[in-house]
Amino acid sequence: MLRELIERKSADLADPTQLGRQWNELQKLRSKLKKKVDTKASKGRKIRYVVHSSLVNFMAPVPLSWNDSAMDDLFRSLFVEAGEESIQGTSTFISVIEEQFHSPIEVF
């Protein structure tokens, strides 16, 4: 009985395509049994993280200290045009901004 089993198994090995199929099946079984573990990643030696797509290229706000002349230049370039009527139209808006920043804005 043992001899028949050995002959049957060795008879299948003569066909190269069958041999290749058996080899592939054995490799699949081995890969299922053996887990891929990074042995150098244990004990805190490797950082594990997940990338959040919404946070890619995120930058926290940087606090800026504005001096008076820089604030004046900013508001002048944003809200004041060359005409005198545009200066009068923005005076209420500028007064609201002055209250928020607690400093007067000079308009030329």
N, C-alpha and C. Protein backbone atom coordinates (compact mmCIF):
# COMPACT_ATOMS: atom_id res chain seq x y z
N MET A 1 0.82 -1.18 0.00
CA MET A 1 0.00 0.00 0.00
C MET A 1 0.87 1.26 0.00
N LEU A 2 1.89 1.28 0.80
CA LEU A 2 2.82 2.41 0.84
C LEU A 2 3.51 2.56 -0.51
N ARG A 3 3.86 1.43 -1.08
CA ARG A 3 4.54 1.46 -2.37
C ARG A 3 3.63 2.04 -3.47
N GLU A 4 2.35 1.73 -3.42
CA GLU A 4 1.40 2.26 -4.40
C GLU A 4 1.28 3.79 -4.25
N LEU A 5 1.25 4.24 -3.03
CA LEU A 5 1.16 5.68 -2.78
C LEU A 5 2.39 6.40 -3.32
N ILE A 6 3.56 5.83 -3.08
CA ILE A 6 4.80 6.44 -3.56
C ILE A 6 4.83 6.45 -5.09
N GLU A 7 4.41 5.37 -5.71
CA GLU A 7 4.40 5.30 -7.18
C GLU A 7 3.42 6.31 -7.78
N ARG A 8 2.26 6.45 -7.14
CA ARG A 8 1.26 7.37 -7.65
C ARG A 8 1.77 8.82 -7.54
N LYS A 9 2.39 9.15 -6.44
CA LYS A 9 2.93 10.50 -6.26
C LYS A 9 4.10 10.76 -7.21
N SER A 10 4.96 9.79 -7.42
CA SER A 10 6.11 9.98 -8.30
C SER A 10 5.68 9.97 -9.77
N ALA A 11 4.59 9.32 -10.11
CA ALA A 11 4.10 9.32 -11.49
C ALA A 11 3.59 10.71 -11.88
N ASP A 12 3.01 11.43 -10.94
CA ASP A 12 2.53 12.78 -11.22
C ASP A 12 3.68 13.76 -11.42
N LEU A 13 4.82 13.49 -10.87
CA LEU A 13 5.95 14.40 -10.95
C LEU A 13 6.63 14.37 -12.31
N ALA A 14 6.33 13.40 -13.15
CA ALA A 14 6.95 13.31 -14.46
C ALA A 14 6.44 14.42 -15.38
N ASP A 15 5.22 14.88 -15.20
CA ASP A 15 4.65 15.93 -16.04
C ASP A 15 5.11 17.29 -15.52
N PRO A 16 5.82 18.09 -16.33
CA PRO A 16 6.34 19.37 -15.83
C PRO A 16 5.24 20.39 -15.50
N THR A 17 4.15 20.39 -16.23
CA THR A 17 3.07 21.34 -15.92
C THR A 17 2.43 21.00 -14.59
N GLN A 18 2.23 19.71 -14.35
CA GLN A 18 1.65 19.29 -13.08
C GLN A 18 2.61 19.60 -11.93
N LEU A 19 3.89 19.43 -12.18
CA LEU A 19 4.89 19.73 -11.16
C LEU A 19 4.87 21.23 -10.83
N GLY A 20 4.74 22.07 -11.85
CA GLY A 20 4.67 23.51 -11.63
C GLY A 20 3.43 23.90 -10.84
N ARG A 21 2.30 23.28 -11.14
CA ARG A 21 1.07 23.56 -10.41
C ARG A 21 1.19 23.17 -8.94
N GLN A 22 1.77 22.00 -8.69
CA GLN A 22 1.95 21.56 -7.30
C GLN A 22 2.90 22.51 -6.56
N TRP A 23 3.92 22.96 -7.24
CA TRP A 23 4.87 23.89 -6.62
C TRP A 23 4.17 25.19 -6.25
N ASN A 24 3.33 25.71 -7.14
CA ASN A 24 2.59 26.94 -6.85
C ASN A 24 1.64 26.76 -5.68
N GLU A 25 0.97 25.62 -5.62
CA GLU A 25 0.06 25.35 -4.51
C GLU A 25 0.82 25.28 -3.18
N LEU A 26 1.99 24.65 -3.21
CA LEU A 26 2.80 24.58 -1.99
C LEU A 26 3.26 25.98 -1.55
N GLN A 27 3.65 26.81 -2.50
CA GLN A 27 4.08 28.17 -2.16
C GLN A 27 2.94 28.99 -1.57
N LYS A 28 1.73 28.83 -2.11
CA LYS A 28 0.56 29.53 -1.56
C LYS A 28 0.27 29.08 -0.14
N LEU A 29 0.37 27.78 0.09
CA LEU A 29 0.13 27.27 1.44
C LEU A 29 1.18 27.78 2.42
N ARG A 30 2.43 27.84 1.98
CA ARG A 30 3.49 28.33 2.86
C ARG A 30 3.30 29.81 3.18
N SER A 31 2.89 30.58 2.18
CA SER A 31 2.70 32.01 2.43
C SER A 31 1.51 32.25 3.35
N LYS A 32 0.51 31.39 3.31
CA LYS A 32 -0.63 31.53 4.22
C LYS A 32 -0.22 31.17 5.65
N LEU A 33 0.64 30.19 5.78
CA LEU A 33 1.05 29.77 7.12
C LEU A 33 2.01 30.76 7.76
N LYS A 34 2.93 31.28 6.99
CA LYS A 34 3.94 32.18 7.54
C LYS A 34 3.48 33.63 7.38
N LYS A 35 3.32 34.32 8.48
CA LYS A 35 2.91 35.71 8.45
C LYS A 35 4.13 36.60 8.26
N LYS A 36 3.93 37.67 7.50
CA LYS A 36 5.02 38.62 7.30
C LYS A 36 5.02 39.61 8.46
N VAL A 37 6.04 39.51 9.30
CA VAL A 37 6.15 40.36 10.48
C VAL A 37 7.49 41.08 10.41
N ASP A 38 7.44 42.38 10.59
CA ASP A 38 8.66 43.17 10.63
C ASP A 38 9.24 43.07 12.03
N THR A 39 10.30 42.30 12.18
CA THR A 39 10.87 42.05 13.51
C THR A 39 11.60 43.27 14.07
N LYS A 40 12.00 44.19 13.20
CA LYS A 40 12.73 45.37 13.67
C LYS A 40 11.80 46.50 14.08
N ALA A 41 10.50 46.30 13.93
CA ALA A 41 9.54 47.36 14.25
C ALA A 41 9.03 47.28 15.68
N SER A 42 9.43 46.28 16.41
CA SER A 42 8.90 46.14 17.77
C SER A 42 9.63 47.05 18.74
N LYS A 43 9.11 47.17 19.92
CA LYS A 43 9.68 47.96 21.02
C LYS A 43 9.81 49.44 20.68
N GLY A 44 8.88 49.95 19.89
CA GLY A 44 8.85 51.38 19.61
C GLY A 44 9.92 51.87 18.66
N ARG A 45 10.52 50.97 17.90
CA ARG A 45 11.57 51.40 16.98
C ARG A 45 11.03 51.92 15.66
N LYS A 46 9.75 51.68 15.39
CA LYS A 46 9.15 52.14 14.15
C LYS A 46 7.83 52.83 14.46
N ILE A 47 7.62 53.98 13.86
CA ILE A 47 6.40 54.73 14.10
C ILE A 47 5.32 54.21 13.16
N ARG A 48 4.17 53.89 13.74
CA ARG A 48 3.04 53.45 12.93
C ARG A 48 2.05 54.60 12.85
N TYR A 49 1.61 54.92 11.64
CA TYR A 49 0.67 56.02 11.46
C TYR A 49 -0.19 55.77 10.23
N VAL A 50 -1.32 56.45 10.19
CA VAL A 50 -2.23 56.40 9.05
C VAL A 50 -2.37 57.83 8.53
N VAL A 51 -2.20 58.02 7.23
CA VAL A 51 -2.27 59.35 6.63
C VAL A 51 -3.73 59.72 6.43
N HIS A 52 -4.13 60.87 6.97
CA HIS A 52 -5.48 61.40 6.76
C HIS A 52 -5.41 62.35 5.57
N SER A 53 -6.16 62.03 4.53
CA SER A 53 -6.07 62.83 3.30
C SER A 53 -6.50 64.27 3.52
N SER A 54 -7.42 64.50 4.45
CA SER A 54 -7.86 65.88 4.68
C SER A 54 -6.81 66.71 5.42
N LEU A 55 -5.85 66.07 6.05
CA LEU A 55 -4.83 66.81 6.79
C LEU A 55 -3.50 66.92 6.04
N VAL A 56 -3.44 66.42 4.82
CA VAL A 56 -2.22 66.51 4.04
C VAL A 56 -1.98 67.98 3.69
N ASN A 57 -0.78 68.45 3.87
CA ASN A 57 -0.36 69.84 3.62
C ASN A 57 -1.07 70.83 4.53
N PHE A 58 -1.52 70.39 5.69
CA PHE A 58 -2.14 71.31 6.64
C PHE A 58 -1.05 72.06 7.39
N MET A 59 -1.28 73.34 7.60
CA MET A 59 -0.33 74.14 8.35
C MET A 59 -1.08 74.90 9.42
N ALA A 60 -0.64 74.78 10.64
CA ALA A 60 -1.28 75.50 11.74
C ALA A 60 -1.05 77.00 11.56
N PRO A 61 -1.99 77.81 12.01
CA PRO A 61 -1.81 79.26 11.85
C PRO A 61 -0.62 79.77 12.65
N VAL A 62 0.12 80.65 12.02
CA VAL A 62 1.30 81.24 12.65
C VAL A 62 0.90 82.62 13.17
N PRO A 63 1.04 82.85 14.47
CA PRO A 63 0.66 84.17 14.99
C PRO A 63 1.65 85.24 14.51
N LEU A 64 1.09 86.31 13.99
CA LEU A 64 1.92 87.41 13.48
C LEU A 64 1.73 88.63 14.37
N SER A 65 2.81 89.29 14.65
CA SER A 65 2.71 90.54 15.41
C SER A 65 2.80 91.68 14.40
N TRP A 66 1.70 92.40 14.25
CA TRP A 66 1.63 93.50 13.29
C TRP A 66 1.98 94.80 13.99
N ASN A 67 2.86 95.56 13.39
CA ASN A 67 3.08 96.91 13.90
C ASN A 67 2.07 97.85 13.24
N ASP A 68 1.99 99.06 13.73
CA ASP A 68 0.95 99.99 13.27
C ASP A 68 1.09 100.33 11.79
N SER A 69 2.31 100.53 11.35
CA SER A 69 2.48 100.92 9.94
C SER A 69 2.11 99.77 9.00
N ALA A 70 2.39 98.55 9.39
CA ALA A 70 2.03 97.41 8.55
C ALA A 70 0.52 97.25 8.46
N MET A 71 -0.18 97.45 9.58
CA MET A 71 -1.65 97.38 9.56
C MET A 71 -2.23 98.50 8.71
N ASP A 72 -1.66 99.70 8.81
CA ASP A 72 -2.13 100.81 7.99
C ASP A 72 -1.96 100.52 6.51
N ASP A 73 -0.81 99.97 6.15
CA ASP A 73 -0.56 99.65 4.75
C ASP A 73 -1.53 98.57 4.25
N LEU A 74 -1.81 97.60 5.08
CA LEU A 74 -2.72 96.53 4.69
C LEU A 74 -4.12 97.07 4.43
N PHE A 75 -4.66 97.80 5.38
CA PHE A 75 -6.02 98.30 5.22
C PHE A 75 -6.12 99.35 4.11
N ARG A 76 -5.07 100.10 3.93
CA ARG A 76 -5.07 101.09 2.86
C ARG A 76 -5.11 100.38 1.51
N SER A 77 -4.35 99.30 1.37
CA SER A 77 -4.32 98.59 0.10
C SER A 77 -5.61 97.80 -0.14
N LEU A 78 -6.29 97.39 0.91
CA LEU A 78 -7.51 96.60 0.74
C LEU A 78 -8.75 97.44 0.52
N PHE A 79 -8.93 98.49 1.31
CA PHE A 79 -10.22 99.16 1.36
C PHE A 79 -10.24 100.57 0.79
N VAL A 80 -9.12 101.19 0.58
CA VAL A 80 -9.10 102.58 0.16
C VAL A 80 -8.64 102.67 -1.28
N GLU A 81 -9.43 103.35 -2.10
CA GLU A 81 -9.05 103.56 -3.50
C GLU A 81 -8.62 105.01 -3.68
N ALA A 82 -8.38 105.43 -4.90
CA ALA A 82 -7.84 106.76 -5.17
C ALA A 82 -8.87 107.87 -4.94
N GLY A 83 -10.15 107.59 -5.12
CA GLY A 83 -11.17 108.63 -5.02
C GLY A 83 -11.52 108.98 -3.60
N GLU A 84 -11.94 110.23 -3.39
CA GLU A 84 -12.32 110.70 -2.05
C GLU A 84 -13.61 110.05 -1.57
N GLU A 85 -14.58 109.78 -2.49
CA GLU A 85 -15.85 109.19 -2.07
C GLU A 85 -15.67 107.76 -1.57
N SER A 86 -14.65 107.06 -2.08
CA SER A 86 -14.41 105.71 -1.59
C SER A 86 -13.88 105.74 -0.16
N ILE A 87 -13.15 106.77 0.20
CA ILE A 87 -12.65 106.91 1.57
C ILE A 87 -13.81 107.15 2.52
N GLN A 88 -14.78 107.98 2.13
CA GLN A 88 -15.93 108.24 2.98
C GLN A 88 -16.81 107.00 3.11
N GLY A 89 -16.92 106.21 2.04
CA GLY A 89 -17.75 105.01 2.07
C GLY A 89 -17.18 103.92 2.96
N THR A 90 -15.89 103.90 3.13
CA THR A 90 -15.27 102.86 3.94
C THR A 90 -15.01 103.31 5.36
N SER A 91 -15.40 104.53 5.72
CA SER A 91 -15.09 105.03 7.06
C SER A 91 -15.81 104.23 8.14
N THR A 92 -17.05 103.82 7.88
CA THR A 92 -17.76 103.02 8.90
C THR A 92 -17.12 101.65 9.04
N PHE A 93 -16.69 101.07 7.92
CA PHE A 93 -16.05 99.76 7.98
C PHE A 93 -14.73 99.84 8.72
N ILE A 94 -13.98 100.89 8.47
CA ILE A 94 -12.69 101.06 9.14
C ILE A 94 -12.89 101.28 10.63
N SER A 95 -13.94 101.99 11.02
CA SER A 95 -14.19 102.19 12.45
C SER A 95 -14.50 100.87 13.15
N VAL A 96 -15.19 99.97 12.47
CA VAL A 96 -15.46 98.65 13.05
C VAL A 96 -14.17 97.87 13.21
N ILE A 97 -13.29 97.95 12.24
CA ILE A 97 -12.01 97.25 12.32
C ILE A 97 -11.14 97.85 13.41
N GLU A 98 -11.19 99.16 13.57
CA GLU A 98 -10.42 99.80 14.64
C GLU A 98 -10.87 99.31 16.00
N GLU A 99 -12.17 99.12 16.17
CA GLU A 99 -12.69 98.63 17.45
C GLU A 99 -12.21 97.21 17.71
N GLN A 100 -12.16 96.39 16.68
CA GLN A 100 -11.73 95.00 16.86
C GLN A 100 -10.25 94.91 17.19
N PHE A 101 -9.42 95.72 16.56
CA PHE A 101 -7.98 95.65 16.79
C PHE A 101 -7.51 96.60 17.88
N HIS A 102 -8.40 97.42 18.41
CA HIS A 102 -8.09 98.36 19.50
C HIS A 102 -6.94 99.30 19.15
N SER A 103 -6.86 99.68 17.88
CA SER A 103 -5.85 100.66 17.47
C SER A 103 -6.41 101.45 16.30
N PRO A 104 -6.10 102.74 16.23
CA PRO A 104 -6.63 103.57 15.14
C PRO A 104 -5.95 103.24 13.82
N ILE A 105 -6.72 103.39 12.75
CA ILE A 105 -6.20 103.17 11.40
C ILE A 105 -6.13 104.52 10.72
N GLU A 106 -4.99 104.83 10.17
CA GLU A 106 -4.81 106.11 9.49
C GLU A 106 -5.10 105.93 8.01
N VAL A 107 -5.91 106.82 7.47
CA VAL A 107 -6.24 106.80 6.04
C VAL A 107 -5.76 108.09 5.43
N PHE A 108 -5.00 107.99 4.36
CA PHE A 108 -4.47 109.18 3.70
C PHE A 108 -5.29 109.50 2.48
